[in-house]
Amino acid sequence: MAKENKANADKNRKSFFQGVKAEFNKIIWTDRNTLVKQTGVVVAVTVILSVIISIMDAGILQAINLIIK
């Protein structure tokens, strides 16, 4: 019984990794230029949003300080 369970586990594990390999072969990878451009856009948007959030945070903090005093 234990040998059967081990054999089934090995078969399932092998089947799983074959499935993973098949799925990886379906992936369409982007070329380097597109990847660099998209990464640049993500970094730029992140920086812009962080600046906007920082300004809003400072403004709200100042408003709260004026209300409390």
PDB file of N, CA and C in Angstrom:
ATOM      1  N   MET A   1       0.826  -1.194   0.000  1.00  0.00           N
ATOM      2  CA  MET A   1       0.000   0.000   0.000  1.00  0.00           C
ATOM      3  C   MET A   1       0.868   1.256   0.000  1.00  0.00           C
ATOM      4  N   ALA A   2       1.919   1.253   0.814  1.00  0.00           N
ATOM      5  CA  ALA A   2       2.786   2.417   0.897  1.00  0.00           C
ATOM      6  C   ALA A   2       3.540   2.632  -0.414  1.00  0.00           C
ATOM      7  N   LYS A   3       3.906   1.512  -1.071  1.00  0.00           N
ATOM      8  CA  LYS A   3       4.608   1.633  -2.351  1.00  0.00           C
ATOM      9  C   LYS A   3       3.695   2.236  -3.414  1.00  0.00           C
ATOM     10  N   GLU A   4       2.408   1.887  -3.375  1.00  0.00           N
ATOM     11  CA  GLU A   4       1.451   2.435  -4.329  1.00  0.00           C
ATOM     12  C   GLU A   4       1.284   3.944  -4.120  1.00  0.00           C
ATOM     13  N   ASN A   5       1.187   4.351  -2.859  1.00  0.00           N
ATOM     14  CA  ASN A   5       1.052   5.782  -2.563  1.00  0.00           C
ATOM     15  C   ASN A   5       2.279   6.559  -3.030  1.00  0.00           C
ATOM     16  N   LYS A   6       3.466   5.971  -2.811  1.00  0.00           N
ATOM     17  CA  LYS A   6       4.699   6.629  -3.244  1.00  0.00           C
ATOM     18  C   LYS A   6       4.750   6.707  -4.763  1.00  0.00           C
ATOM     19  N   ALA A   7       4.343   5.647  -5.437  1.00  0.00           N
ATOM     20  CA  ALA A   7       4.343   5.637  -6.900  1.00  0.00           C
ATOM     21  C   ALA A   7       3.360   6.675  -7.434  1.00  0.00           C
ATOM     22  N   ASN A   8       2.177   6.788  -6.810  1.00  0.00           N
ATOM     23  CA  ASN A   8       1.192   7.786  -7.229  1.00  0.00           C
ATOM     24  C   ASN A   8       1.704   9.197  -6.987  1.00  0.00           C
ATOM     25  N   ALA A   9       2.379   9.396  -5.862  1.00  0.00           N
ATOM     26  CA  ALA A   9       2.927  10.720  -5.540  1.00  0.00           C
ATOM     27  C   ALA A   9       3.996  11.108  -6.561  1.00  0.00           C
ATOM     28  N   ASP A  10       4.857  10.159  -6.909  1.00  0.00           N
ATOM     29  CA  ASP A  10       5.902  10.443  -7.904  1.00  0.00           C
ATOM     30  C   ASP A  10       5.280  10.741  -9.264  1.00  0.00           C
ATOM     31  N   LYS A  11       4.242   9.983  -9.631  1.00  0.00           N
ATOM     32  CA  LYS A  11       3.564  10.198 -10.913  1.00  0.00           C
ATOM     33  C   LYS A  11       2.896  11.572 -10.938  1.00  0.00           C
ATOM     34  N   ASN A  12       2.223  11.947  -9.823  1.00  0.00           N
ATOM     35  CA  ASN A  12       1.572  13.251  -9.743  1.00  0.00           C
ATOM     36  C   ASN A  12       2.585  14.385  -9.809  1.00  0.00           C
ATOM     37  N   ARG A  13       3.712  14.215  -9.138  1.00  0.00           N
ATOM     38  CA  ARG A  13       4.753  15.237  -9.127  1.00  0.00           C
ATOM     39  C   ARG A  13       5.309  15.417 -10.542  1.00  0.00           C
ATOM     40  N   LYS A  14       5.572  14.305 -11.230  1.00  0.00           N
ATOM     41  CA  LYS A  14       6.099  14.372 -12.590  1.00  0.00           C
ATOM     42  C   LYS A  14       5.076  15.027 -13.520  1.00  0.00           C
ATOM     43  N   SER A  15       3.821  14.668 -13.358  1.00  0.00           N
ATOM     44  CA  SER A  15       2.762  15.247 -14.177  1.00  0.00           C
ATOM     45  C   SER A  15       2.647  16.753 -13.929  1.00  0.00           C
ATOM     46  N   PHE A  16       2.770  17.154 -12.667  1.00  0.00           N
ATOM     47  CA  PHE A  16       2.698  18.575 -12.325  1.00  0.00           C
ATOM     48  C   PHE A  16       3.801  19.360 -13.033  1.00  0.00           C
ATOM     49  N   PHE A  17       5.020  18.880 -12.957  1.00  0.00           N
ATOM     50  CA  PHE A  17       6.134  19.607 -13.561  1.00  0.00           C
ATOM     51  C   PHE A  17       6.057  19.600 -15.085  1.00  0.00           C
ATOM     52  N   GLN A  18       5.506  18.534 -15.668  1.00  0.00           N
ATOM     53  CA  GLN A  18       5.291  18.537 -17.114  1.00  0.00           C
ATOM     54  C   GLN A  18       4.258  19.594 -17.487  1.00  0.00           C
ATOM     55  N   GLY A  19       3.221  19.751 -16.669  1.00  0.00           N
ATOM     56  CA  GLY A  19       2.215  20.777 -16.906  1.00  0.00           C
ATOM     57  C   GLY A  19       2.793  22.175 -16.787  1.00  0.00           C
ATOM     58  N   VAL A  20       3.641  22.384 -15.782  1.00  0.00           N
ATOM     59  CA  VAL A  20       4.295  23.688 -15.604  1.00  0.00           C
ATOM     60  C   VAL A  20       5.161  24.013 -16.822  1.00  0.00           C
ATOM     61  N   LYS A  21       5.912  23.017 -17.290  1.00  0.00           N
ATOM     62  CA  LYS A  21       6.775  23.234 -18.458  1.00  0.00           C
ATOM     63  C   LYS A  21       5.924  23.570 -19.682  1.00  0.00           C
ATOM     64  N   ALA A  22       4.806  22.897 -19.857  1.00  0.00           N
ATOM     65  CA  ALA A  22       3.928  23.166 -20.996  1.00  0.00           C
ATOM     66  C   ALA A  22       3.370  24.582 -20.931  1.00  0.00           C
ATOM     67  N   GLU A  23       2.990  25.036 -19.746  1.00  0.00           N
ATOM     68  CA  GLU A  23       2.464  26.396 -19.590  1.00  0.00           C
ATOM     69  C   GLU A  23       3.545  27.441 -19.857  1.00  0.00           C
ATOM     70  N   PHE A  24       4.772  27.185 -19.414  1.00  0.00           N
ATOM     71  CA  PHE A  24       5.867  28.127 -19.671  1.00  0.00           C
ATOM     72  C   PHE A  24       6.153  28.244 -21.165  1.00  0.00           C
ATOM     73  N   ASN A  25       5.947  27.161 -21.895  1.00  0.00           N
ATOM     74  CA  ASN A  25       6.165  27.223 -23.341  1.00  0.00           C
ATOM     75  C   ASN A  25       5.105  28.057 -24.042  1.00  0.00           C
ATOM     76  N   LYS A  26       3.960  28.292 -23.408  1.00  0.00           N
ATOM     77  CA  LYS A  26       2.887  29.097 -23.991  1.00  0.00           C
ATOM     78  C   LYS A  26       3.094  30.601 -23.781  1.00  0.00           C
ATOM     79  N   ILE A  27       3.991  30.969 -22.892  1.00  0.00           N
ATOM     80  CA  ILE A  27       4.210  32.382 -22.567  1.00  0.00           C
ATOM     81  C   ILE A  27       4.861  33.092 -23.746  1.00  0.00           C
ATOM     82  N   ILE A  28       4.344  34.272 -24.060  1.00  0.00           N
ATOM     83  CA  ILE A  28       4.948  35.104 -25.099  1.00  0.00           C
ATOM     84  C   ILE A  28       5.732  36.203 -24.383  1.00  0.00           C
ATOM     85  N   TRP A  29       7.042  36.090 -24.408  1.00  0.00           N
ATOM     86  CA  TRP A  29       7.894  37.034 -23.711  1.00  0.00           C
ATOM     87  C   TRP A  29       8.067  38.289 -24.559  1.00  0.00           C
ATOM     88  N   THR A  30       8.073  39.444 -23.906  1.00  0.00           N
ATOM     89  CA  THR A  30       8.263  40.700 -24.636  1.00  0.00           C
ATOM     90  C   THR A  30       9.739  40.882 -24.981  1.00  0.00           C
ATOM     91  N   ASP A  31       9.987  41.698 -26.007  1.00  0.00           N
ATOM     92  CA  ASP A  31      11.373  41.965 -26.370  1.00  0.00           C
ATOM     93  C   ASP A  31      11.971  42.978 -25.389  1.00  0.00           C
ATOM     94  N   ARG A  32      13.267  43.127 -25.434  1.00  0.00           N
ATOM     95  CA  ARG A  32      13.985  43.961 -24.465  1.00  0.00           C
ATOM     96  C   ARG A  32      13.555  45.425 -24.525  1.00  0.00           C
ATOM     97  N   ASN A  33      13.379  45.970 -25.723  1.00  0.00           N
ATOM     98  CA  ASN A  33      13.012  47.386 -25.862  1.00  0.00           C
ATOM     99  C   ASN A  33      11.657  47.672 -25.227  1.00  0.00           C
ATOM    100  N   THR A  34      10.693  46.813 -25.474  1.00  0.00           N
ATOM    101  CA  THR A  34       9.364  46.998 -24.881  1.00  0.00           C
ATOM    102  C   THR A  34       9.438  46.905 -23.363  1.00  0.00           C
ATOM    103  N   LEU A  35      10.209  45.948 -22.877  1.00  0.00           N
ATOM    104  CA  LEU A  35      10.359  45.773 -21.432  1.00  0.00           C
ATOM    105  C   LEU A  35      10.975  47.004 -20.788  1.00  0.00           C
ATOM    106  N   VAL A  36      11.997  47.579 -21.421  1.00  0.00           N
ATOM    107  CA  VAL A  36      12.657  48.773 -20.881  1.00  0.00           C
ATOM    108  C   VAL A  36      11.685  49.951 -20.872  1.00  0.00           C
ATOM    109  N   LYS A  37      10.923  50.122 -21.964  1.00  0.00           N
ATOM    110  CA  LYS A  37       9.970  51.229 -22.042  1.00  0.00           C
ATOM    111  C   LYS A  37       8.883  51.092 -20.973  1.00  0.00           C
ATOM    112  N   GLN A  38       8.339  49.897 -20.825  1.00  0.00           N
ATOM    113  CA  GLN A  38       7.276  49.689 -19.837  1.00  0.00           C
ATOM    114  C   GLN A  38       7.803  49.862 -18.416  1.00  0.00           C
ATOM    115  N   THR A  39       9.018  49.423 -18.165  1.00  0.00           N
ATOM    116  CA  THR A  39       9.618  49.612 -16.848  1.00  0.00           C
ATOM    117  C   THR A  39       9.818  51.092 -16.556  1.00  0.00           C
ATOM    118  N   GLY A  40      10.254  51.837 -17.553  1.00  0.00           N
ATOM    119  CA  GLY A  40      10.430  53.289 -17.386  1.00  0.00           C
ATOM    120  C   GLY A  40       9.121  53.977 -17.066  1.00  0.00           C
ATOM    121  N   VAL A  41       8.052  53.572 -17.743  1.00  0.00           N
ATOM    122  CA  VAL A  41       6.736  54.161 -17.478  1.00  0.00           C
ATOM    123  C   VAL A  41       6.296  53.844 -16.056  1.00  0.00           C
ATOM    124  N   VAL A  42       6.481  52.610 -15.618  1.00  0.00           N
ATOM    125  CA  VAL A  42       6.083  52.220 -14.262  1.00  0.00           C
ATOM    126  C   VAL A  42       6.855  53.028 -13.227  1.00  0.00           C
ATOM    127  N   VAL A  43       8.158  53.184 -13.426  1.00  0.00           N
ATOM    128  CA  VAL A  43       8.975  53.948 -12.477  1.00  0.00           C
ATOM    129  C   VAL A  43       8.543  55.415 -12.468  1.00  0.00           C
ATOM    130  N   ALA A  44       8.309  55.996 -13.642  1.00  0.00           N
ATOM    131  CA  ALA A  44       7.901  57.406 -13.724  1.00  0.00           C
ATOM    132  C   ALA A  44       6.559  57.630 -13.031  1.00  0.00           C
ATOM    133  N   VAL A  45       5.588  56.768 -13.298  1.00  0.00           N
ATOM    134  CA  VAL A  45       4.270  56.911 -12.666  1.00  0.00           C
ATOM    135  C   VAL A  45       4.381  56.748 -11.163  1.00  0.00           C
ATOM    136  N   THR A  46       5.210  55.823 -10.715  1.00  0.00           N
ATOM    137  CA  THR A  46       5.404  55.618  -9.276  1.00  0.00           C
ATOM    138  C   THR A  46       5.987  56.857  -8.623  1.00  0.00           C
ATOM    139  N   VAL A  47       6.989  57.465  -9.242  1.00  0.00           N
ATOM    140  CA  VAL A  47       7.608  58.675  -8.696  1.00  0.00           C
ATOM    141  C   VAL A  47       6.593  59.819  -8.663  1.00  0.00           C
ATOM    142  N   ILE A  48       5.855  60.004  -9.754  1.00  0.00           N
ATOM    143  CA  ILE A  48       4.860  61.085  -9.820  1.00  0.00           C
ATOM    144  C   ILE A  48       3.789  60.907  -8.747  1.00  0.00           C
ATOM    145  N   LEU A  49       3.269  59.689  -8.615  1.00  0.00           N
ATOM    146  CA  LEU A  49       2.239  59.455  -7.596  1.00  0.00           C
ATOM    147  C   LEU A  49       2.781  59.624  -6.181  1.00  0.00           C
ATOM    148  N   SER A  50       4.027  59.231  -5.949  1.00  0.00           N
ATOM    149  CA  SER A  50       4.594  59.402  -4.607  1.00  0.00           C
ATOM    150  C   SER A  50       4.757  60.881  -4.268  1.00  0.00           C
ATOM    151  N   VAL A  51       5.123  61.692  -5.252  1.00  0.00           N
ATOM    152  CA  VAL A  51       5.236  63.140  -5.028  1.00  0.00           C
ATOM    153  C   VAL A  51       3.856  63.733  -4.734  1.00  0.00           C
ATOM    154  N   ILE A  52       2.856  63.351  -5.514  1.00  0.00           N
ATOM    155  CA  ILE A  52       1.490  63.857  -5.299  1.00  0.00           C
ATOM    156  C   ILE A  52       0.984  63.471  -3.914  1.00  0.00           C
ATOM    157  N   ILE A  53       1.197  62.222  -3.528  1.00  0.00           N
ATOM    158  CA  ILE A  53       0.737  61.766  -2.210  1.00  0.00           C
ATOM    159  C   ILE A  53       1.484  62.496  -1.097  1.00  0.00           C
ATOM    160  N   SER A  54       2.776  62.733  -1.278  1.00  0.00           N
ATOM    161  CA  SER A  54       3.550  63.458  -0.264  1.00  0.00           C
ATOM    162  C   SER A  54       3.046  64.888  -0.099  1.00  0.00           C
ATOM    163  N   ILE A  55       2.762  65.554  -1.218  1.00  0.00           N
ATOM    164  CA  ILE A  55       2.240  66.926  -1.163  1.00  0.00           C
ATOM    165  C   ILE A  55       0.880  66.950  -0.477  1.00  0.00           C
ATOM    166  N   MET A  56       0.019  66.008  -0.839  1.00  0.00           N
ATOM    167  CA  MET A  56      -1.306  65.948  -0.208  1.00  0.00           C
ATOM    168  C   MET A  56      -1.185  65.679   1.291  1.00  0.00           C
ATOM    169  N   ASP A  57      -0.281  64.793   1.664  1.00  0.00           N
ATOM    170  CA  ASP A  57      -0.077  64.466   3.074  1.00  0.00           C
ATOM    171  C   ASP A  57       0.395  65.696   3.847  1.00  0.00           C
ATOM    172  N   ALA A  58       1.340  66.427   3.282  1.00  0.00           N
ATOM    173  CA  ALA A  58       1.837  67.633   3.953  1.00  0.00           C
ATOM    174  C   ALA A  58       0.727  68.674   4.065  1.00  0.00           C
ATOM    175  N   GLY A  59      -0.071  68.828   3.016  1.00  0.00           N
ATOM    176  CA  GLY A  59      -1.172  69.791   3.048  1.00  0.00           C
ATOM    177  C   GLY A  59      -2.222  69.424   4.087  1.00  0.00           C
ATOM    178  N   ILE A  60      -2.588  68.178   4.145  1.00  0.00           N
ATOM    179  CA  ILE A  60      -3.582  67.732   5.135  1.00  0.00           C
ATOM    180  C   ILE A  60      -3.036  67.899   6.543  1.00  0.00           C
ATOM    181  N   LEU A  61      -1.761  67.601   6.740  1.00  0.00           N
ATOM    182  CA  LEU A  61      -1.146  67.779   8.063  1.00  0.00           C
ATOM    183  C   LEU A  61      -1.182  69.251   8.476  1.00  0.00           C
ATOM    184  N   GLN A  62      -0.865  70.150   7.550  1.00  0.00           N
ATOM    185  CA  GLN A  62      -0.919  71.578   7.867  1.00  0.00           C
ATOM    186  C   GLN A  62      -2.336  72.021   8.195  1.00  0.00           C
ATOM    187  N   ALA A  63      -3.312  71.535   7.444  1.00  0.00           N
ATOM    188  CA  ALA A  63      -4.715  71.885   7.709  1.00  0.00           C
ATOM    189  C   ALA A  63      -5.159  71.386   9.072  1.00  0.00           C
ATOM    190  N   ILE A  64      -4.789  70.209   9.428  1.00  0.00           N
ATOM    191  CA  ILE A  64      -5.145  69.659  10.744  1.00  0.00           C
ATOM    192  C   ILE A  64      -4.470  70.470  11.842  1.00  0.00           C
ATOM    193  N   ASN A  65      -3.210  70.839  11.652  1.00  0.00           N
ATOM    194  CA  ASN A  65      -2.524  71.646  12.648  1.00  0.00           C
ATOM    195  C   ASN A  65      -3.185  73.009  12.830  1.00  0.00           C
ATOM    196  N   LEU A  66      -3.673  73.610  11.738  1.00  0.00           N
ATOM    197  CA  LEU A  66      -4.367  74.900  11.841  1.00  0.00           C
ATOM    198  C   LEU A  66      -5.684  74.735  12.584  1.00  0.00           C
ATOM    199  N   ILE A  67      -6.391  73.649  12.325  1.00  0.00           N
ATOM    200  CA  ILE A  67      -7.676  73.407  12.993  1.00  0.00           C
ATOM    201  C   ILE A  67      -7.473  73.161  14.488  1.00  0.00           C
ATOM    202  N   ILE A  68      -6.464  72.438  14.850  1.00  0.00           N
ATOM    203  CA  ILE A  68      -6.222  72.088  16.262  1.00  0.00           C
ATOM    204  C   ILE A  68      -5.807  73.326  17.044  1.00  0.00           C
ATOM    205  N   LYS A  69      -4.996  74.210  16.474  1.00  0.00           N
ATOM    206  CA  LYS A  69      -4.528  75.392  17.206  1.00  0.00           C
ATOM    207  C   LYS A  69      -5.631  76.348  17.317  1.00  0.00           C
TER     208      LYS A  69
END
